[in-house]
Amino acid sequence: MTLQGWKRRAFYVGLFEFFAIVFSSFLLAYFAGGEASESAPIAVAISVIAIVWNYVFNTAFEHWESRQSVKGRSLLRRGVHAVSFEAGLVLAIVPLYMWWYQVGLMEALRMEVAILVFFLIYSFIFSWTFDRVFGLPASAA
């Protein structure tokens, strides 16, 4: 089954963020020393930010990718994709951690680094698995 265009992006984002909310609720609860239910609202807020960013970022990435002479998604291209996506989120998420958990910048950055490491791995594995199950987008085929 091959998904393309906006349907592919919408399904990708929805599935990715569903698992992201579940995983991040537990991870943030662990780092904050609380319960997953206490971290779920911030996980949902971050998910909403990530959904918007994901759509914008992946639309731009696929546009750039379609103009490249080398087709396919190499390990390097997937790595650059994951790192670039996460870097954009850091700017919005760290202030939210500071506000929600009432922590300083360094504690919020520590939380974000831990979550970032997890999500870099998660993003790479999820994207690779998604492409294996649903095929590559037209931009990379």
N, C-alpha and C. Protein backbone atom coordinates (compact mmCIF):
# COMPACT_ATOMS: atom_id res chain seq x y z
N MET A 1 0.85 -1.18 0.00
CA MET A 1 0.00 0.00 0.00
C MET A 1 0.89 1.24 0.00
N THR A 2 0.69 2.12 -0.95
CA THR A 2 1.48 3.34 -1.03
C THR A 2 0.57 4.54 -0.80
N LEU A 3 0.89 5.33 0.20
CA LEU A 3 0.18 6.58 0.48
C LEU A 3 0.97 7.71 -0.14
N GLN A 4 0.28 8.71 -0.68
CA GLN A 4 0.95 9.85 -1.28
C GLN A 4 0.27 11.15 -0.88
N GLY A 5 0.99 12.25 -1.07
CA GLY A 5 0.45 13.59 -0.88
C GLY A 5 -0.03 13.87 0.54
N TRP A 6 -1.08 14.65 0.62
CA TRP A 6 -1.58 15.10 1.92
C TRP A 6 -2.10 13.95 2.77
N LYS A 7 -2.64 12.91 2.13
CA LYS A 7 -3.14 11.76 2.90
C LYS A 7 -1.97 11.07 3.62
N ARG A 8 -0.84 10.94 2.92
CA ARG A 8 0.34 10.34 3.53
C ARG A 8 0.81 11.16 4.72
N ARG A 9 0.92 12.48 4.51
CA ARG A 9 1.40 13.35 5.58
C ARG A 9 0.45 13.35 6.78
N ALA A 10 -0.86 13.40 6.52
CA ALA A 10 -1.83 13.43 7.61
C ALA A 10 -1.80 12.11 8.40
N PHE A 11 -1.73 10.99 7.72
CA PHE A 11 -1.69 9.70 8.39
C PHE A 11 -0.39 9.55 9.17
N TYR A 12 0.71 9.94 8.55
CA TYR A 12 2.02 9.87 9.20
C TYR A 12 2.00 10.68 10.50
N VAL A 13 1.55 11.92 10.41
CA VAL A 13 1.55 12.81 11.57
C VAL A 13 0.64 12.26 12.67
N GLY A 14 -0.55 11.83 12.30
CA GLY A 14 -1.48 11.31 13.30
C GLY A 14 -0.94 10.10 14.04
N LEU A 15 -0.39 9.16 13.30
CA LEU A 15 0.16 7.95 13.90
C LEU A 15 1.40 8.27 14.75
N PHE A 16 2.27 9.10 14.20
CA PHE A 16 3.48 9.49 14.91
C PHE A 16 3.13 10.16 16.24
N GLU A 17 2.22 11.12 16.21
CA GLU A 17 1.89 11.89 17.40
C GLU A 17 1.10 11.08 18.42
N PHE A 18 0.29 10.14 17.98
CA PHE A 18 -0.40 9.28 18.93
C PHE A 18 0.62 8.57 19.83
N PHE A 19 1.59 7.92 19.20
CA PHE A 19 2.62 7.23 19.98
C PHE A 19 3.49 8.21 20.75
N ALA A 20 3.73 9.39 20.18
CA ALA A 20 4.54 10.40 20.86
C ALA A 20 3.90 10.84 22.17
N ILE A 21 2.58 11.04 22.18
CA ILE A 21 1.88 11.45 23.41
C ILE A 21 2.02 10.37 24.47
N VAL A 22 1.80 9.13 24.07
CA VAL A 22 1.90 8.03 25.03
C VAL A 22 3.31 7.95 25.61
N PHE A 23 4.31 7.88 24.74
CA PHE A 23 5.69 7.74 25.20
C PHE A 23 6.14 8.94 26.03
N SER A 24 5.86 10.14 25.53
CA SER A 24 6.37 11.33 26.21
C SER A 24 5.68 11.57 27.55
N SER A 25 4.42 11.17 27.70
CA SER A 25 3.75 11.30 29.00
C SER A 25 4.51 10.52 30.06
N PHE A 26 4.90 9.31 29.72
CA PHE A 26 5.64 8.49 30.68
C PHE A 26 7.06 9.00 30.89
N LEU A 27 7.73 9.39 29.83
CA LEU A 27 9.09 9.89 29.96
C LEU A 27 9.15 11.19 30.77
N LEU A 28 8.25 12.12 30.46
CA LEU A 28 8.24 13.37 31.21
C LEU A 28 7.88 13.15 32.67
N ALA A 29 6.96 12.25 32.93
CA ALA A 29 6.61 11.93 34.31
C ALA A 29 7.82 11.38 35.05
N TYR A 30 8.57 10.55 34.39
CA TYR A 30 9.79 9.99 35.00
C TYR A 30 10.77 11.11 35.35
N PHE A 31 11.03 12.01 34.39
CA PHE A 31 12.01 13.07 34.62
C PHE A 31 11.52 14.10 35.64
N ALA A 32 10.20 14.30 35.71
CA ALA A 32 9.65 15.28 36.64
C ALA A 32 9.35 14.66 38.01
N GLY A 33 9.46 13.35 38.10
CA GLY A 33 9.18 12.68 39.36
C GLY A 33 7.70 12.65 39.70
N GLY A 34 6.85 12.61 38.68
CA GLY A 34 5.41 12.60 38.92
C GLY A 34 4.74 11.45 38.21
N GLU A 35 3.46 11.61 37.98
CA GLU A 35 2.65 10.60 37.31
C GLU A 35 2.48 10.96 35.84
N ALA A 36 2.27 9.94 35.01
CA ALA A 36 2.05 10.17 33.58
C ALA A 36 0.82 11.05 33.34
N SER A 37 -0.20 10.89 34.19
CA SER A 37 -1.41 11.70 34.03
C SER A 37 -1.14 13.19 34.25
N GLU A 38 -0.14 13.51 35.08
CA GLU A 38 0.23 14.91 35.31
C GLU A 38 1.02 15.48 34.13
N SER A 39 1.69 14.62 33.39
CA SER A 39 2.48 15.08 32.24
C SER A 39 1.72 14.98 30.93
N ALA A 40 0.57 14.31 30.95
CA ALA A 40 -0.21 14.15 29.71
C ALA A 40 -0.64 15.49 29.09
N PRO A 41 -1.11 16.49 29.87
CA PRO A 41 -1.51 17.75 29.22
C PRO A 41 -0.36 18.44 28.47
N ILE A 42 0.84 18.45 29.04
CA ILE A 42 1.97 19.07 28.34
C ILE A 42 2.36 18.23 27.13
N ALA A 43 2.22 16.92 27.23
CA ALA A 43 2.51 16.05 26.09
C ALA A 43 1.53 16.33 24.95
N VAL A 44 0.27 16.58 25.28
CA VAL A 44 -0.73 16.92 24.25
C VAL A 44 -0.41 18.28 23.65
N ALA A 45 -0.06 19.26 24.48
CA ALA A 45 0.28 20.60 23.96
C ALA A 45 1.48 20.52 23.03
N ILE A 46 2.48 19.76 23.44
CA ILE A 46 3.67 19.61 22.60
C ILE A 46 3.30 18.89 21.31
N SER A 47 2.39 17.95 21.40
CA SER A 47 1.94 17.22 20.22
C SER A 47 1.27 18.15 19.21
N VAL A 48 0.44 19.06 19.71
CA VAL A 48 -0.23 20.02 18.82
C VAL A 48 0.82 20.88 18.11
N ILE A 49 1.79 21.35 18.86
CA ILE A 49 2.87 22.14 18.25
C ILE A 49 3.61 21.28 17.23
N ALA A 50 3.90 20.04 17.61
CA ALA A 50 4.63 19.15 16.71
C ALA A 50 3.84 18.80 15.46
N ILE A 51 2.52 18.68 15.58
CA ILE A 51 1.70 18.37 14.40
C ILE A 51 1.80 19.49 13.37
N VAL A 52 1.67 20.71 13.84
CA VAL A 52 1.77 21.85 12.92
C VAL A 52 3.17 21.91 12.31
N TRP A 53 4.19 21.79 13.16
CA TRP A 53 5.57 21.82 12.70
C TRP A 53 5.87 20.66 11.75
N ASN A 54 5.36 19.48 12.08
CA ASN A 54 5.58 18.30 11.27
C ASN A 54 5.04 18.51 9.86
N TYR A 55 3.83 19.02 9.76
CA TYR A 55 3.23 19.24 8.44
C TYR A 55 4.03 20.27 7.64
N VAL A 56 4.34 21.38 8.28
CA VAL A 56 5.10 22.44 7.59
C VAL A 56 6.49 21.93 7.20
N PHE A 57 7.19 21.32 8.15
CA PHE A 57 8.54 20.85 7.91
C PHE A 57 8.59 19.78 6.82
N ASN A 58 7.73 18.77 6.91
CA ASN A 58 7.76 17.69 5.93
C ASN A 58 7.32 18.13 4.54
N THR A 59 6.41 19.09 4.46
CA THR A 59 6.03 19.64 3.16
C THR A 59 7.24 20.33 2.53
N ALA A 60 7.94 21.13 3.32
CA ALA A 60 9.13 21.81 2.81
C ALA A 60 10.24 20.82 2.48
N PHE A 61 10.43 19.82 3.33
CA PHE A 61 11.47 18.81 3.11
C PHE A 61 11.21 18.04 1.82
N GLU A 62 9.97 17.61 1.61
CA GLU A 62 9.64 16.86 0.39
C GLU A 62 9.77 17.74 -0.86
N HIS A 63 9.47 19.02 -0.72
CA HIS A 63 9.67 19.94 -1.85
C HIS A 63 11.15 20.03 -2.19
N TRP A 64 11.99 20.21 -1.17
CA TRP A 64 13.44 20.24 -1.38
C TRP A 64 13.92 18.91 -1.95
N GLU A 65 13.45 17.81 -1.37
CA GLU A 65 13.87 16.47 -1.77
C GLU A 65 13.53 16.19 -3.23
N SER A 66 12.38 16.66 -3.70
CA SER A 66 11.97 16.39 -5.08
C SER A 66 12.88 17.07 -6.10
N ARG A 67 13.61 18.10 -5.68
CA ARG A 67 14.51 18.82 -6.59
C ARG A 67 15.94 18.28 -6.56
N GLN A 68 16.20 17.26 -5.73
CA GLN A 68 17.54 16.70 -5.61
C GLN A 68 17.80 15.69 -6.73
N SER A 69 19.02 15.67 -7.23
CA SER A 69 19.38 14.73 -8.30
C SER A 69 19.51 13.30 -7.77
N VAL A 70 19.91 13.15 -6.52
CA VAL A 70 20.02 11.82 -5.91
C VAL A 70 18.69 11.51 -5.24
N LYS A 71 18.03 10.45 -5.70
CA LYS A 71 16.74 10.06 -5.15
C LYS A 71 16.91 9.01 -4.06
N GLY A 72 15.85 8.77 -3.31
CA GLY A 72 15.89 7.81 -2.23
C GLY A 72 16.16 8.51 -0.91
N ARG A 73 16.10 7.74 0.15
CA ARG A 73 16.35 8.29 1.48
C ARG A 73 17.47 7.51 2.14
N SER A 74 18.65 8.05 1.98
CA SER A 74 19.83 7.43 2.56
C SER A 74 19.83 7.61 4.07
N LEU A 75 20.75 6.94 4.71
CA LEU A 75 20.92 7.07 6.15
C LEU A 75 21.23 8.53 6.51
N LEU A 76 22.09 9.16 5.75
CA LEU A 76 22.43 10.56 6.00
C LEU A 76 21.21 11.47 5.85
N ARG A 77 20.44 11.28 4.79
CA ARG A 77 19.26 12.12 4.56
C ARG A 77 18.24 11.93 5.68
N ARG A 78 18.05 10.70 6.11
CA ARG A 78 17.12 10.44 7.21
C ARG A 78 17.62 11.08 8.51
N GLY A 79 18.92 11.02 8.74
CA GLY A 79 19.49 11.62 9.94
C GLY A 79 19.34 13.13 9.94
N VAL A 80 19.63 13.76 8.81
CA VAL A 80 19.47 15.21 8.69
C VAL A 80 18.01 15.60 8.89
N HIS A 81 17.11 14.82 8.34
CA HIS A 81 15.67 15.07 8.48
C HIS A 81 15.29 15.05 9.96
N ALA A 82 15.69 14.02 10.68
CA ALA A 82 15.31 13.88 12.09
C ALA A 82 15.91 14.99 12.95
N VAL A 83 17.18 15.29 12.75
CA VAL A 83 17.85 16.33 13.55
C VAL A 83 17.23 17.70 13.27
N SER A 84 16.99 18.01 12.02
CA SER A 84 16.41 19.31 11.65
C SER A 84 15.02 19.49 12.23
N PHE A 85 14.22 18.44 12.16
CA PHE A 85 12.87 18.51 12.70
C PHE A 85 12.91 18.79 14.20
N GLU A 86 13.71 18.04 14.92
CA GLU A 86 13.77 18.19 16.38
C GLU A 86 14.33 19.55 16.80
N ALA A 87 15.29 20.06 16.05
CA ALA A 87 15.86 21.38 16.38
C ALA A 87 14.79 22.46 16.36
N GLY A 88 13.88 22.37 15.41
CA GLY A 88 12.79 23.35 15.34
C GLY A 88 11.86 23.28 16.54
N LEU A 89 11.66 22.09 17.07
CA LEU A 89 10.78 21.93 18.22
C LEU A 89 11.39 22.45 19.52
N VAL A 90 12.69 22.34 19.65
CA VAL A 90 13.36 22.76 20.89
C VAL A 90 13.03 24.21 21.24
N LEU A 91 13.01 25.06 20.25
CA LEU A 91 12.75 26.48 20.50
C LEU A 91 11.38 26.75 21.11
N ALA A 92 10.41 25.90 20.82
CA ALA A 92 9.07 26.09 21.38
C ALA A 92 8.85 25.30 22.66
N ILE A 93 9.50 24.16 22.79
CA ILE A 93 9.20 23.25 23.89
C ILE A 93 9.88 23.62 25.20
N VAL A 94 11.11 24.08 25.16
CA VAL A 94 11.82 24.39 26.41
C VAL A 94 11.06 25.42 27.25
N PRO A 95 10.57 26.50 26.68
CA PRO A 95 9.79 27.43 27.51
C PRO A 95 8.52 26.79 28.11
N LEU A 96 7.91 25.85 27.39
CA LEU A 96 6.74 25.17 27.94
C LEU A 96 7.10 24.31 29.14
N TYR A 97 8.23 23.62 29.06
CA TYR A 97 8.69 22.85 30.23
C TYR A 97 8.90 23.78 31.42
N MET A 98 9.54 24.89 31.18
CA MET A 98 9.82 25.83 32.26
C MET A 98 8.52 26.28 32.94
N TRP A 99 7.53 26.59 32.14
CA TRP A 99 6.25 27.06 32.66
C TRP A 99 5.48 25.92 33.35
N TRP A 100 5.33 24.79 32.70
CA TRP A 100 4.50 23.70 33.22
C TRP A 100 5.07 23.09 34.50
N TYR A 101 6.36 22.82 34.46
CA TYR A 101 6.99 22.15 35.60
C TYR A 101 7.60 23.13 36.60
N GLN A 102 7.51 24.43 36.31
CA GLN A 102 8.07 25.45 37.19
C GLN A 102 9.54 25.17 37.48
N VAL A 103 10.31 24.98 36.41
CA VAL A 103 11.74 24.70 36.54
C VAL A 103 12.51 25.79 35.80
N GLY A 104 13.79 25.87 36.08
CA GLY A 104 14.65 26.83 35.41
C GLY A 104 15.08 26.33 34.03
N LEU A 105 15.80 27.20 33.37
CA LEU A 105 16.25 26.90 32.01
C LEU A 105 17.10 25.63 31.95
N MET A 106 18.02 25.46 32.87
CA MET A 106 18.91 24.30 32.82
C MET A 106 18.14 22.99 33.03
N GLU A 107 17.19 22.98 33.94
CA GLU A 107 16.38 21.78 34.17
C GLU A 107 15.50 21.48 32.95
N ALA A 108 14.93 22.52 32.37
CA ALA A 108 14.11 22.35 31.16
C ALA A 108 14.97 21.83 30.01
N LEU A 109 16.17 22.35 29.88
CA LEU A 109 17.08 21.86 28.84
C LEU A 109 17.48 20.41 29.09
N ARG A 110 17.70 20.05 30.35
CA ARG A 110 18.03 18.66 30.68
C ARG A 110 16.88 17.73 30.28
N MET A 111 15.66 18.14 30.59
CA MET A 111 14.50 17.34 30.20
C MET A 111 14.41 17.23 28.69
N GLU A 112 14.63 18.36 28.02
CA GLU A 112 14.52 18.36 26.56
C GLU A 112 15.60 17.52 25.92
N VAL A 113 16.81 17.56 26.43
CA VAL A 113 17.88 16.73 25.87
C VAL A 113 17.54 15.25 26.00
N ALA A 114 17.04 14.86 27.15
CA ALA A 114 16.66 13.45 27.35
C ALA A 114 15.53 13.06 26.40
N ILE A 115 14.52 13.90 26.28
CA ILE A 115 13.41 13.62 25.36
C ILE A 115 13.91 13.66 23.92
N LEU A 116 14.78 14.60 23.61
CA LEU A 116 15.32 14.73 22.26
C LEU A 116 16.06 13.47 21.84
N VAL A 117 16.89 12.94 22.71
CA VAL A 117 17.62 11.71 22.37
C VAL A 117 16.62 10.59 22.08
N PHE A 118 15.63 10.46 22.94
CA PHE A 118 14.62 9.44 22.70
C PHE A 118 13.92 9.67 21.36
N PHE A 119 13.49 10.91 21.09
CA PHE A 119 12.72 11.17 19.88
C PHE A 119 13.56 11.15 18.60
N LEU A 120 14.83 11.41 18.69
CA LEU A 120 15.68 11.24 17.51
C LEU A 120 15.68 9.78 17.08
N ILE A 121 15.81 8.91 18.05
CA ILE A 121 15.79 7.47 17.75
C ILE A 121 14.39 7.05 17.30
N TYR A 122 13.38 7.50 18.03
CA TYR A 122 11.99 7.17 17.69
C TYR A 122 11.63 7.67 16.30
N SER A 123 11.99 8.91 15.98
CA SER A 123 11.67 9.49 14.68
C SER A 123 12.31 8.70 13.54
N PHE A 124 13.56 8.34 13.72
CA PHE A 124 14.27 7.58 12.70
C PHE A 124 13.61 6.22 12.49
N ILE A 125 13.35 5.50 13.58
CA ILE A 125 12.76 4.16 13.49
C ILE A 125 11.34 4.25 12.94
N PHE A 126 10.56 5.21 13.43
CA PHE A 126 9.18 5.35 12.95
C PHE A 126 9.15 5.65 11.46
N SER A 127 9.96 6.61 11.00
CA SER A 127 9.97 6.99 9.58
C SER A 127 10.42 5.83 8.70
N TRP A 128 11.44 5.12 9.12
CA TRP A 128 11.93 3.98 8.35
C TRP A 128 10.85 2.91 8.26
N THR A 129 10.22 2.60 9.40
CA THR A 129 9.17 1.59 9.43
C THR A 129 7.97 2.03 8.59
N PHE A 130 7.59 3.28 8.71
CA PHE A 130 6.47 3.82 7.94
C PHE A 130 6.73 3.67 6.45
N ASP A 131 7.93 4.03 6.00
CA ASP A 131 8.28 3.90 4.58
C ASP A 131 8.30 2.45 4.13
N ARG A 132 8.74 1.54 4.99
CA ARG A 132 8.76 0.12 4.65
C ARG A 132 7.34 -0.43 4.51
N VAL A 133 6.44 0.01 5.37
CA VAL A 133 5.06 -0.48 5.35
C VAL A 133 4.24 0.19 4.24
N PHE A 134 4.38 1.50 4.08
CA PHE A 134 3.52 2.25 3.15
C PHE A 134 4.23 2.71 1.88
N GLY A 135 5.50 2.39 1.72
CA GLY A 135 6.26 2.79 0.53
C GLY A 135 6.78 4.21 0.65
N LEU A 136 7.72 4.54 -0.21
CA LEU A 136 8.31 5.87 -0.22
C LEU A 136 7.35 6.87 -0.84
N PRO A 137 7.44 8.14 -0.43
CA PRO A 137 6.65 9.15 -1.11
C PRO A 137 7.19 9.36 -2.53
N ALA A 138 6.35 9.93 -3.38
CA ALA A 138 6.75 10.16 -4.77
C ALA A 138 8.04 10.98 -4.86
N SER A 139 8.26 11.88 -3.91
CA SER A 139 9.45 12.72 -3.94
C SER A 139 10.74 11.94 -3.80
N ALA A 140 10.68 10.76 -3.19
CA ALA A 140 11.88 9.97 -2.96
C ALA A 140 11.97 8.74 -3.85
N ALA A 141 10.89 8.46 -4.58
CA ALA A 141 10.86 7.24 -5.43
C ALA A 141 11.67 7.41 -6.70
